[in-house]
Amino acid sequence: MDSLQGHLLIAMPSLDESFFERSVIYICEHNDKGAMGVMINRPTNIVIDELLEQIGLAKKAQLSLSLEESVVLGGPVDTDRGFVLHTPQSIWVNSEPVSEFCMLTTSRDVLNALGTEESPKQFIVALGYAGWSKNQLEEELAENTWLTIEATPELVFNQDYDQLWTQATKQLGFDIWQISSQVGHS
């Protein structure tokens, strides 16, 4: 299978009543060792300003804009660890390009810059990530657990959390509720 890095995983309706119900996950890494992604549509009750204060990084005098956006729950793995998806900037300590329009940074320096003039233009702050071991994601795709589409900046950065799952499924050209989660064999 080709790498799904830079794509979105869209949860099938069969995942209702599970951790991943109606989730949209941005795949940051996918190779022969497994996959890693960040769920981008599950807001927490913590806003970025509060998170920065909690970890001792808030410098209110430097802030040029409010950081009232919610921190998202990126997945069930390492929920005490922060991840920042953001528009490209090559100045952060632990940054990896994911696509032409997005990078993933795990260092505190990007958090310290949020809300200042050095801040990335667009960003998502997530706690935790979703991970798959070798061949696990491929098996889940074969079982019709996920749909995939190529990610766009509009879908990753500019969507209402409550509407992202619906907006992403519309990109596929059909109503997701009309498809069956059952696999048929002939």
N, C-alpha and C. Protein backbone atom coordinates (compact mmCIF):
# COMPACT_ATOMS: atom_id res chain seq x y z
N MET A 1 0.84 -1.19 0.00
CA MET A 1 0.00 0.00 0.00
C MET A 1 0.88 1.24 0.00
N ASP A 2 0.47 2.25 -0.75
CA ASP A 2 1.17 3.53 -0.73
C ASP A 2 0.98 4.19 0.62
N SER A 3 1.90 5.06 0.95
CA SER A 3 1.81 5.77 2.21
C SER A 3 0.60 6.70 2.23
N LEU A 4 -0.06 6.75 3.36
CA LEU A 4 -1.20 7.65 3.55
C LEU A 4 -0.79 8.93 4.29
N GLN A 5 0.50 9.15 4.42
CA GLN A 5 0.96 10.38 5.06
C GLN A 5 0.37 11.57 4.32
N GLY A 6 -0.16 12.53 5.06
CA GLY A 6 -0.77 13.70 4.46
C GLY A 6 -2.22 13.49 4.06
N HIS A 7 -2.79 12.35 4.41
CA HIS A 7 -4.20 12.06 4.12
C HIS A 7 -5.02 12.13 5.40
N LEU A 8 -6.32 12.15 5.23
CA LEU A 8 -7.24 12.09 6.36
C LEU A 8 -7.89 10.72 6.43
N LEU A 9 -7.98 10.18 7.62
CA LEU A 9 -8.80 8.99 7.87
C LEU A 9 -10.14 9.49 8.37
N ILE A 10 -11.20 8.97 7.80
CA ILE A 10 -12.55 9.34 8.20
C ILE A 10 -13.21 8.10 8.78
N ALA A 11 -13.63 8.19 10.02
CA ALA A 11 -14.25 7.05 10.70
C ALA A 11 -15.56 6.66 10.02
N MET A 12 -15.73 5.38 9.79
CA MET A 12 -16.98 4.87 9.24
C MET A 12 -18.05 4.88 10.34
N PRO A 13 -19.31 4.91 9.95
CA PRO A 13 -20.39 4.87 10.94
C PRO A 13 -20.32 3.66 11.88
N SER A 14 -19.67 2.60 11.46
CA SER A 14 -19.54 1.40 12.31
C SER A 14 -18.74 1.69 13.59
N LEU A 15 -18.01 2.79 13.63
CA LEU A 15 -17.24 3.14 14.82
C LEU A 15 -18.05 3.95 15.83
N ASP A 16 -19.36 4.12 15.57
CA ASP A 16 -20.21 4.80 16.55
C ASP A 16 -20.09 4.08 17.89
N GLU A 17 -20.16 4.86 18.94
CA GLU A 17 -20.04 4.36 20.31
C GLU A 17 -18.66 3.80 20.62
N SER A 18 -17.65 4.25 19.88
CA SER A 18 -16.26 3.88 20.18
C SER A 18 -15.47 5.17 20.39
N PHE A 19 -14.23 5.05 20.80
CA PHE A 19 -13.38 6.22 21.00
C PHE A 19 -13.28 7.05 19.73
N PHE A 20 -13.27 6.39 18.57
CA PHE A 20 -13.07 7.08 17.31
C PHE A 20 -14.36 7.47 16.58
N GLU A 21 -15.49 7.44 17.27
CA GLU A 21 -16.76 7.81 16.66
C GLU A 21 -16.65 9.17 15.96
N ARG A 22 -17.03 9.20 14.69
CA ARG A 22 -17.02 10.40 13.85
C ARG A 22 -15.70 11.16 13.87
N SER A 23 -14.62 10.45 14.02
CA SER A 23 -13.32 11.12 14.07
C SER A 23 -12.74 11.33 12.67
N VAL A 24 -11.92 12.36 12.60
CA VAL A 24 -11.12 12.65 11.41
C VAL A 24 -9.69 12.74 11.90
N ILE A 25 -8.83 11.92 11.32
CA ILE A 25 -7.44 11.83 11.76
C ILE A 25 -6.52 12.22 10.63
N TYR A 26 -5.62 13.14 10.90
CA TYR A 26 -4.62 13.55 9.93
C TYR A 26 -3.41 12.64 10.10
N ILE A 27 -3.07 11.89 9.05
CA ILE A 27 -1.96 10.94 9.12
C ILE A 27 -0.64 11.69 8.94
N CYS A 28 0.19 11.66 9.97
CA CYS A 28 1.47 12.36 9.96
C CYS A 28 2.63 11.48 9.53
N GLU A 29 2.47 10.18 9.72
CA GLU A 29 3.52 9.24 9.32
C GLU A 29 2.87 7.91 9.00
N HIS A 30 3.31 7.30 7.91
CA HIS A 30 2.81 5.98 7.52
C HIS A 30 3.89 5.31 6.70
N ASN A 31 4.44 4.24 7.26
CA ASN A 31 5.50 3.52 6.58
C ASN A 31 5.41 2.03 6.93
N ASP A 32 6.43 1.27 6.60
CA ASP A 32 6.39 -0.18 6.84
C ASP A 32 6.46 -0.55 8.32
N LYS A 33 6.66 0.41 9.21
CA LYS A 33 6.69 0.15 10.64
C LYS A 33 5.35 0.43 11.31
N GLY A 34 4.46 1.14 10.62
CA GLY A 34 3.16 1.47 11.19
C GLY A 34 2.73 2.86 10.77
N ALA A 35 1.83 3.45 11.56
CA ALA A 35 1.30 4.77 11.23
C ALA A 35 1.05 5.56 12.51
N MET A 36 1.08 6.88 12.34
CA MET A 36 0.82 7.80 13.44
C MET A 36 0.00 8.95 12.89
N GLY A 37 -1.03 9.36 13.62
CA GLY A 37 -1.85 10.48 13.19
C GLY A 37 -2.40 11.24 14.37
N VAL A 38 -2.99 12.39 14.07
CA VAL A 38 -3.58 13.25 15.09
C VAL A 38 -5.05 13.47 14.74
N MET A 39 -5.91 13.12 15.67
CA MET A 39 -7.34 13.38 15.51
C MET A 39 -7.53 14.90 15.60
N ILE A 40 -8.20 15.48 14.61
CA ILE A 40 -8.26 16.94 14.54
C ILE A 40 -9.66 17.51 14.79
N ASN A 41 -10.59 16.66 15.21
CA ASN A 41 -11.95 17.18 15.41
C ASN A 41 -12.56 16.79 16.75
N ARG A 42 -11.74 16.59 17.77
CA ARG A 42 -12.25 16.27 19.10
C ARG A 42 -11.75 17.31 20.09
N PRO A 43 -12.46 18.44 20.22
CA PRO A 43 -12.00 19.48 21.14
C PRO A 43 -12.11 19.04 22.59
N THR A 44 -11.17 19.51 23.39
CA THR A 44 -11.23 19.28 24.83
C THR A 44 -11.88 20.51 25.47
N ASN A 45 -11.99 20.50 26.78
CA ASN A 45 -12.51 21.67 27.47
C ASN A 45 -11.40 22.62 27.89
N ILE A 46 -10.21 22.45 27.33
CA ILE A 46 -9.06 23.30 27.61
C ILE A 46 -8.80 24.17 26.39
N VAL A 47 -8.64 25.48 26.60
CA VAL A 47 -8.25 26.35 25.49
C VAL A 47 -6.73 26.51 25.53
N ILE A 48 -6.16 26.92 24.41
CA ILE A 48 -4.71 27.00 24.28
C ILE A 48 -4.11 27.92 25.34
N ASP A 49 -4.74 29.09 25.58
CA ASP A 49 -4.24 30.00 26.62
C ASP A 49 -4.08 29.30 27.96
N GLU A 50 -5.09 28.51 28.35
CA GLU A 50 -5.04 27.80 29.63
C GLU A 50 -3.93 26.76 29.64
N LEU A 51 -3.77 26.03 28.53
CA LEU A 51 -2.71 25.03 28.45
C LEU A 51 -1.34 25.68 28.61
N LEU A 52 -1.13 26.80 27.93
CA LEU A 52 0.15 27.50 28.04
C LEU A 52 0.42 27.94 29.46
N GLU A 53 -0.61 28.44 30.14
CA GLU A 53 -0.45 28.82 31.55
C GLU A 53 -0.10 27.62 32.41
N GLN A 54 -0.79 26.50 32.18
CA GLN A 54 -0.57 25.29 32.98
C GLN A 54 0.86 24.77 32.86
N ILE A 55 1.46 24.94 31.70
CA ILE A 55 2.83 24.43 31.53
C ILE A 55 3.88 25.53 31.67
N GLY A 56 3.43 26.72 32.12
CA GLY A 56 4.36 27.80 32.42
C GLY A 56 4.92 28.53 31.21
N LEU A 57 4.20 28.55 30.12
CA LEU A 57 4.70 29.21 28.92
C LEU A 57 3.97 30.49 28.56
N ALA A 58 2.92 30.83 29.25
CA ALA A 58 2.14 32.02 28.90
C ALA A 58 2.94 33.27 29.22
N LYS A 59 3.12 34.12 28.24
CA LYS A 59 3.77 35.41 28.42
C LYS A 59 2.82 36.45 27.86
N LYS A 60 1.84 36.81 28.64
CA LYS A 60 0.73 37.65 28.18
C LYS A 60 1.21 38.94 27.51
N ALA A 61 2.31 39.52 27.97
CA ALA A 61 2.78 40.78 27.39
C ALA A 61 3.17 40.61 25.92
N GLN A 62 3.61 39.42 25.52
CA GLN A 62 4.06 39.20 24.14
C GLN A 62 2.92 38.81 23.21
N LEU A 63 1.80 38.40 23.75
CA LEU A 63 0.73 37.89 22.90
C LEU A 63 0.16 38.98 22.01
N SER A 64 0.10 38.68 20.72
CA SER A 64 -0.47 39.63 19.78
C SER A 64 -1.90 39.24 19.42
N LEU A 65 -2.33 38.03 19.82
CA LEU A 65 -3.70 37.60 19.58
C LEU A 65 -4.11 36.62 20.66
N SER A 66 -5.40 36.51 20.84
CA SER A 66 -5.94 35.60 21.84
C SER A 66 -5.85 34.16 21.35
N LEU A 67 -5.65 33.26 22.27
CA LEU A 67 -5.56 31.84 21.94
C LEU A 67 -6.72 31.11 22.60
N GLU A 68 -7.92 31.44 22.18
CA GLU A 68 -9.13 30.88 22.78
C GLU A 68 -9.61 29.62 22.07
N GLU A 69 -8.86 29.14 21.06
CA GLU A 69 -9.24 27.90 20.40
C GLU A 69 -9.03 26.74 21.36
N SER A 70 -9.82 25.70 21.19
CA SER A 70 -9.69 24.52 22.04
C SER A 70 -8.46 23.70 21.65
N VAL A 71 -7.87 23.11 22.65
CA VAL A 71 -6.87 22.06 22.42
C VAL A 71 -7.68 20.83 22.03
N VAL A 72 -7.20 20.04 21.08
CA VAL A 72 -7.93 18.84 20.68
C VAL A 72 -7.30 17.61 21.31
N LEU A 73 -8.12 16.58 21.46
CA LEU A 73 -7.63 15.28 21.88
C LEU A 73 -7.14 14.59 20.62
N GLY A 74 -5.84 14.45 20.48
CA GLY A 74 -5.25 13.91 19.27
C GLY A 74 -5.38 12.41 19.11
N GLY A 75 -5.65 11.73 20.20
CA GLY A 75 -5.80 10.28 20.17
C GLY A 75 -5.60 9.70 21.54
N PRO A 76 -5.72 8.39 21.64
CA PRO A 76 -5.66 7.75 22.95
C PRO A 76 -4.25 7.48 23.48
N VAL A 77 -3.23 7.71 22.67
CA VAL A 77 -1.85 7.40 23.06
C VAL A 77 -1.15 8.66 23.55
N ASP A 78 -0.44 8.57 24.67
CA ASP A 78 0.35 9.68 25.23
C ASP A 78 -0.45 10.98 25.33
N THR A 79 -1.58 10.93 26.00
CA THR A 79 -2.44 12.11 26.09
C THR A 79 -1.85 13.23 26.95
N ASP A 80 -0.74 12.98 27.61
CA ASP A 80 -0.07 14.04 28.36
C ASP A 80 1.03 14.69 27.53
N ARG A 81 1.17 14.29 26.29
CA ARG A 81 2.20 14.81 25.40
C ARG A 81 1.55 15.71 24.33
N GLY A 82 2.17 16.84 24.04
CA GLY A 82 1.62 17.79 23.09
C GLY A 82 2.18 17.66 21.69
N PHE A 83 1.32 17.92 20.72
CA PHE A 83 1.67 17.90 19.30
C PHE A 83 1.06 19.15 18.67
N VAL A 84 1.81 19.81 17.80
CA VAL A 84 1.29 20.98 17.12
C VAL A 84 1.38 20.73 15.62
N LEU A 85 0.22 20.71 14.97
CA LEU A 85 0.15 20.70 13.51
C LEU A 85 0.10 22.16 13.09
N HIS A 86 0.93 22.55 12.14
CA HIS A 86 0.97 23.96 11.77
C HIS A 86 1.45 24.16 10.34
N THR A 87 1.19 25.37 9.84
CA THR A 87 1.69 25.73 8.52
C THR A 87 3.21 25.76 8.57
N PRO A 88 3.86 25.52 7.43
CA PRO A 88 5.31 25.34 7.41
C PRO A 88 6.12 26.52 7.96
N GLN A 89 7.04 26.16 8.83
CA GLN A 89 8.09 27.02 9.37
C GLN A 89 9.21 26.08 9.75
N SER A 90 10.42 26.42 9.39
CA SER A 90 11.54 25.51 9.66
C SER A 90 12.38 25.94 10.85
N ILE A 91 11.80 26.69 11.76
CA ILE A 91 12.59 27.24 12.87
C ILE A 91 12.44 26.48 14.19
N TRP A 92 11.63 25.43 14.23
CA TRP A 92 11.37 24.75 15.49
C TRP A 92 12.30 23.55 15.66
N VAL A 93 12.58 23.22 16.91
CA VAL A 93 13.55 22.18 17.23
C VAL A 93 13.14 20.80 16.71
N ASN A 94 11.95 20.36 17.03
CA ASN A 94 11.50 19.02 16.64
C ASN A 94 10.33 19.10 15.68
N SER A 95 10.61 19.46 14.43
CA SER A 95 9.58 19.58 13.41
C SER A 95 9.84 18.61 12.27
N GLU A 96 8.76 18.06 11.78
CA GLU A 96 8.83 17.17 10.61
C GLU A 96 7.78 17.61 9.61
N PRO A 97 8.16 17.75 8.34
CA PRO A 97 7.14 18.06 7.34
C PRO A 97 6.22 16.86 7.15
N VAL A 98 4.93 17.13 7.05
CA VAL A 98 3.94 16.09 6.79
C VAL A 98 3.47 16.18 5.35
N SER A 99 3.24 17.42 4.90
CA SER A 99 2.79 17.68 3.53
C SER A 99 3.31 19.06 3.13
N GLU A 100 2.93 19.51 1.94
CA GLU A 100 3.34 20.84 1.49
C GLU A 100 2.80 21.94 2.38
N PHE A 101 1.66 21.70 3.02
CA PHE A 101 1.02 22.77 3.80
C PHE A 101 1.07 22.55 5.30
N CYS A 102 1.68 21.45 5.76
CA CYS A 102 1.61 21.16 7.20
C CYS A 102 2.87 20.51 7.73
N MET A 103 3.22 20.89 8.95
CA MET A 103 4.32 20.28 9.69
C MET A 103 3.78 19.82 11.05
N LEU A 104 4.50 18.88 11.64
CA LEU A 104 4.20 18.41 12.99
C LEU A 104 5.39 18.75 13.87
N THR A 105 5.13 19.48 14.96
CA THR A 105 6.19 19.86 15.88
C THR A 105 5.84 19.37 17.27
N THR A 106 6.84 18.81 17.96
CA THR A 106 6.62 18.29 19.30
C THR A 106 7.44 19.03 20.36
N SER A 107 8.13 20.09 19.99
CA SER A 107 8.96 20.81 20.95
C SER A 107 8.21 21.99 21.56
N ARG A 108 8.64 22.39 22.74
CA ARG A 108 7.99 23.47 23.48
C ARG A 108 8.20 24.83 22.82
N ASP A 109 9.23 24.97 21.98
CA ASP A 109 9.51 26.28 21.40
C ASP A 109 8.36 26.78 20.54
N VAL A 110 7.67 25.90 19.82
CA VAL A 110 6.54 26.35 19.01
C VAL A 110 5.38 26.78 19.92
N LEU A 111 5.19 26.10 21.03
CA LEU A 111 4.14 26.50 21.98
C LEU A 111 4.42 27.89 22.53
N ASN A 112 5.68 28.16 22.81
CA ASN A 112 6.07 29.45 23.35
C ASN A 112 5.80 30.59 22.36
N ALA A 113 5.80 30.29 21.07
CA ALA A 113 5.60 31.30 20.04
C ALA A 113 4.13 31.52 19.69
N LEU A 114 3.25 30.62 20.09
CA LEU A 114 1.83 30.76 19.72
C LEU A 114 1.27 32.07 20.25
N GLY A 115 0.58 32.78 19.38
CA GLY A 115 -0.01 34.05 19.75
C GLY A 115 0.92 35.24 19.61
N THR A 116 2.18 34.99 19.25
CA THR A 116 3.13 36.07 19.05
C THR A 116 3.35 36.27 17.54
N GLU A 117 4.18 37.21 17.21
CA GLU A 117 4.48 37.47 15.79
C GLU A 117 5.22 36.30 15.14
N GLU A 118 5.88 35.46 15.93
CA GLU A 118 6.61 34.30 15.39
C GLU A 118 5.72 33.07 15.20
N SER A 119 4.49 33.17 15.61
CA SER A 119 3.56 32.04 15.56
C SER A 119 3.32 31.58 14.12
N PRO A 120 3.13 30.26 13.92
CA PRO A 120 2.68 29.80 12.61
C PRO A 120 1.35 30.47 12.29
N LYS A 121 1.07 30.65 10.99
CA LYS A 121 -0.18 31.31 10.59
C LYS A 121 -1.40 30.50 11.02
N GLN A 122 -1.35 29.19 10.84
CA GLN A 122 -2.45 28.32 11.25
C GLN A 122 -1.87 27.15 12.03
N PHE A 123 -2.60 26.71 13.05
CA PHE A 123 -2.09 25.63 13.88
C PHE A 123 -3.22 24.95 14.64
N ILE A 124 -2.94 23.73 15.04
CA ILE A 124 -3.80 22.94 15.91
C ILE A 124 -2.92 22.40 17.02
N VAL A 125 -3.33 22.57 18.26
CA VAL A 125 -2.61 22.01 19.39
C VAL A 125 -3.38 20.77 19.85
N ALA A 126 -2.68 19.65 19.92
CA ALA A 126 -3.32 18.38 20.28
C ALA A 126 -2.59 17.73 21.45
N LEU A 127 -3.35 17.03 22.27
CA LEU A 127 -2.79 16.20 23.33
C LEU A 127 -3.01 14.75 22.92
N GLY A 128 -1.93 14.01 22.79
CA GLY A 128 -2.01 12.61 22.40
C GLY A 128 -2.05 12.42 20.90
N TYR A 129 -2.00 11.14 20.51
CA TYR A 129 -2.04 10.80 19.10
C TYR A 129 -2.67 9.43 18.93
N ALA A 130 -2.95 9.09 17.68
CA ALA A 130 -3.45 7.76 17.33
C ALA A 130 -2.30 7.02 16.65
N GLY A 131 -2.11 5.77 17.02
CA GLY A 131 -1.01 5.01 16.45
C GLY A 131 -1.43 3.61 16.03
N TRP A 132 -0.78 3.10 15.02
CA TRP A 132 -1.04 1.77 14.50
C TRP A 132 0.28 1.04 14.33
N SER A 133 0.33 -0.21 14.72
CA SER A 133 1.53 -1.02 14.53
C SER A 133 1.63 -1.46 13.07
N LYS A 134 2.69 -2.15 12.75
CA LYS A 134 2.93 -2.61 11.39
C LYS A 134 1.70 -3.36 10.86
N ASN A 135 1.20 -2.95 9.71
CA ASN A 135 0.06 -3.55 9.00
C ASN A 135 -1.30 -3.38 9.68
N GLN A 136 -1.36 -2.80 10.87
CA GLN A 136 -2.63 -2.64 11.56
C GLN A 136 -3.57 -1.70 10.82
N LEU A 137 -3.07 -0.57 10.36
CA LEU A 137 -3.93 0.36 9.64
C LEU A 137 -4.42 -0.26 8.34
N GLU A 138 -3.57 -0.97 7.64
CA GLU A 138 -3.97 -1.63 6.40
C GLU A 138 -5.09 -2.64 6.66
N GLU A 139 -5.00 -3.37 7.77
CA GLU A 139 -6.05 -4.32 8.13
C GLU A 139 -7.37 -3.59 8.43
N GLU A 140 -7.30 -2.49 9.15
CA GLU A 140 -8.50 -1.73 9.47
C GLU A 140 -9.13 -1.14 8.21
N LEU A 141 -8.32 -0.72 7.26
CA LEU A 141 -8.85 -0.22 5.99
C LEU A 141 -9.53 -1.34 5.21
N ALA A 142 -8.93 -2.52 5.21
CA ALA A 142 -9.54 -3.67 4.52
C ALA A 142 -10.85 -4.09 5.17
N GLU A 143 -11.00 -3.83 6.46
CA GLU A 143 -12.23 -4.16 7.19
C GLU A 143 -13.27 -3.04 7.11
N ASN A 144 -13.03 -2.05 6.29
CA ASN A 144 -13.95 -0.91 6.10
C ASN A 144 -14.17 -0.11 7.38
N THR A 145 -13.12 0.04 8.18
CA THR A 145 -13.21 0.84 9.40
C THR A 145 -13.03 2.33 9.09
N TRP A 146 -12.23 2.62 8.08
CA TRP A 146 -11.88 3.99 7.72
C TRP A 146 -12.05 4.22 6.23
N LEU A 147 -12.34 5.46 5.88
CA LEU A 147 -12.25 5.95 4.51
C LEU A 147 -11.07 6.92 4.49
N THR A 148 -10.49 7.13 3.33
CA THR A 148 -9.35 8.04 3.24
C THR A 148 -9.57 9.05 2.12
N ILE A 149 -9.09 10.25 2.36
CA ILE A 149 -9.04 11.28 1.33
C ILE A 149 -7.75 12.06 1.52
N GLU A 150 -7.30 12.68 0.46
CA GLU A 150 -6.13 13.53 0.58
C GLU A 150 -6.53 14.77 1.39
N ALA A 151 -5.69 15.13 2.33
CA ALA A 151 -5.97 16.29 3.18
C ALA A 151 -5.75 17.58 2.40
N THR A 152 -6.51 18.60 2.77
CA THR A 152 -6.33 19.95 2.22
C THR A 152 -6.17 20.90 3.40
N PRO A 153 -5.55 22.05 3.17
CA PRO A 153 -5.45 23.02 4.27
C PRO A 153 -6.81 23.42 4.81
N GLU A 154 -7.80 23.52 3.93
CA GLU A 154 -9.15 23.91 4.36
C GLU A 154 -9.74 22.88 5.32
N LEU A 155 -9.55 21.61 5.03
CA LEU A 155 -10.09 20.58 5.91
C LEU A 155 -9.31 20.49 7.21
N VAL A 156 -8.00 20.61 7.15
CA VAL A 156 -7.19 20.47 8.36
C VAL A 156 -7.33 21.68 9.28
N PHE A 157 -7.25 22.89 8.73
CA PHE A 157 -7.16 24.08 9.59
C PHE A 157 -8.42 24.93 9.69
N ASN A 158 -9.33 24.85 8.74
CA ASN A 158 -10.41 25.84 8.69
C ASN A 158 -11.80 25.29 8.93
N GLN A 159 -11.95 24.25 9.68
CA GLN A 159 -13.28 23.66 9.86
C GLN A 159 -13.76 23.77 11.29
N ASP A 160 -15.04 23.86 11.40
CA ASP A 160 -15.71 23.77 12.69
C ASP A 160 -15.59 22.31 13.15
N TYR A 161 -15.15 22.08 14.38
CA TYR A 161 -14.96 20.71 14.87
C TYR A 161 -16.19 19.84 14.68
N ASP A 162 -17.36 20.40 14.98
CA ASP A 162 -18.60 19.63 14.89
C ASP A 162 -18.96 19.26 13.46
N GLN A 163 -18.48 20.01 12.50
CA GLN A 163 -18.85 19.77 11.10
C GLN A 163 -17.76 19.08 10.28
N LEU A 164 -16.57 18.90 10.84
CA LEU A 164 -15.46 18.38 10.04
C LEU A 164 -15.73 16.99 9.49
N TRP A 165 -16.28 16.08 10.29
CA TRP A 165 -16.54 14.73 9.82
C TRP A 165 -17.49 14.77 8.63
N THR A 166 -18.54 15.56 8.73
CA THR A 166 -19.51 15.68 7.63
C THR A 166 -18.86 16.33 6.41
N GLN A 167 -18.09 17.40 6.62
CA GLN A 167 -17.43 18.08 5.51
C GLN A 167 -16.44 17.16 4.81
N ALA A 168 -15.68 16.39 5.57
CA ALA A 168 -14.71 15.47 4.98
C ALA A 168 -15.41 14.38 4.18
N THR A 169 -16.51 13.86 4.70
CA THR A 169 -17.20 12.80 3.96
C THR A 169 -17.84 13.33 2.69
N LYS A 170 -18.25 14.59 2.68
CA LYS A 170 -18.82 15.18 1.46
C LYS A 170 -17.79 15.24 0.34
N GLN A 171 -16.52 15.32 0.68
CA GLN A 171 -15.46 15.34 -0.33
C GLN A 171 -15.43 14.04 -1.13
N LEU A 172 -16.02 12.99 -0.57
CA LEU A 172 -16.04 11.68 -1.24
C LEU A 172 -17.15 11.59 -2.29
N GLY A 173 -18.09 12.53 -2.26
CA GLY A 173 -19.13 12.57 -3.27
C GLY A 173 -20.39 11.76 -2.97
N PHE A 174 -20.54 11.31 -1.73
CA PHE A 174 -21.75 10.59 -1.35
C PHE A 174 -22.04 10.82 0.12
N ASP A 175 -23.23 10.44 0.54
CA ASP A 175 -23.63 10.55 1.93
C ASP A 175 -23.13 9.31 2.67
N ILE A 176 -22.28 9.51 3.65
CA ILE A 176 -21.66 8.38 4.36
C ILE A 176 -22.69 7.48 5.05
N TRP A 177 -23.84 8.04 5.40
CA TRP A 177 -24.86 7.23 6.07
C TRP A 177 -25.53 6.25 5.11
N GLN A 178 -25.29 6.40 3.80
CA GLN A 178 -25.89 5.49 2.83
C GLN A 178 -25.04 4.26 2.56
N ILE A 179 -23.84 4.21 3.13
CA ILE A 179 -23.00 3.03 2.87
C ILE A 179 -23.05 2.08 4.05
N SER A 180 -22.85 0.83 3.75
CA SER A 180 -22.91 -0.21 4.77
C SER A 180 -21.52 -0.46 5.31
N SER A 181 -21.46 -0.78 6.57
CA SER A 181 -20.18 -1.14 7.17
C SER A 181 -19.89 -2.64 7.02
N GLN A 182 -20.80 -3.38 6.46
CA GLN A 182 -20.65 -4.81 6.28
C GLN A 182 -19.84 -5.11 5.02
N VAL A 183 -18.96 -6.07 5.11
CA VAL A 183 -18.15 -6.47 3.97
C VAL A 183 -18.84 -7.64 3.32
N GLY A 184 -19.02 -7.58 2.01
CA GLY A 184 -19.67 -8.65 1.28
C GLY A 184 -18.66 -9.53 0.56
N HIS A 185 -19.02 -10.76 0.36
CA HIS A 185 -18.16 -11.70 -0.37
C HIS A 185 -19.03 -12.37 -1.43
N SER A 186 -18.47 -12.52 -2.62
CA SER A 186 -19.24 -13.20 -3.67
C SER A 186 -18.66 -14.55 -3.99
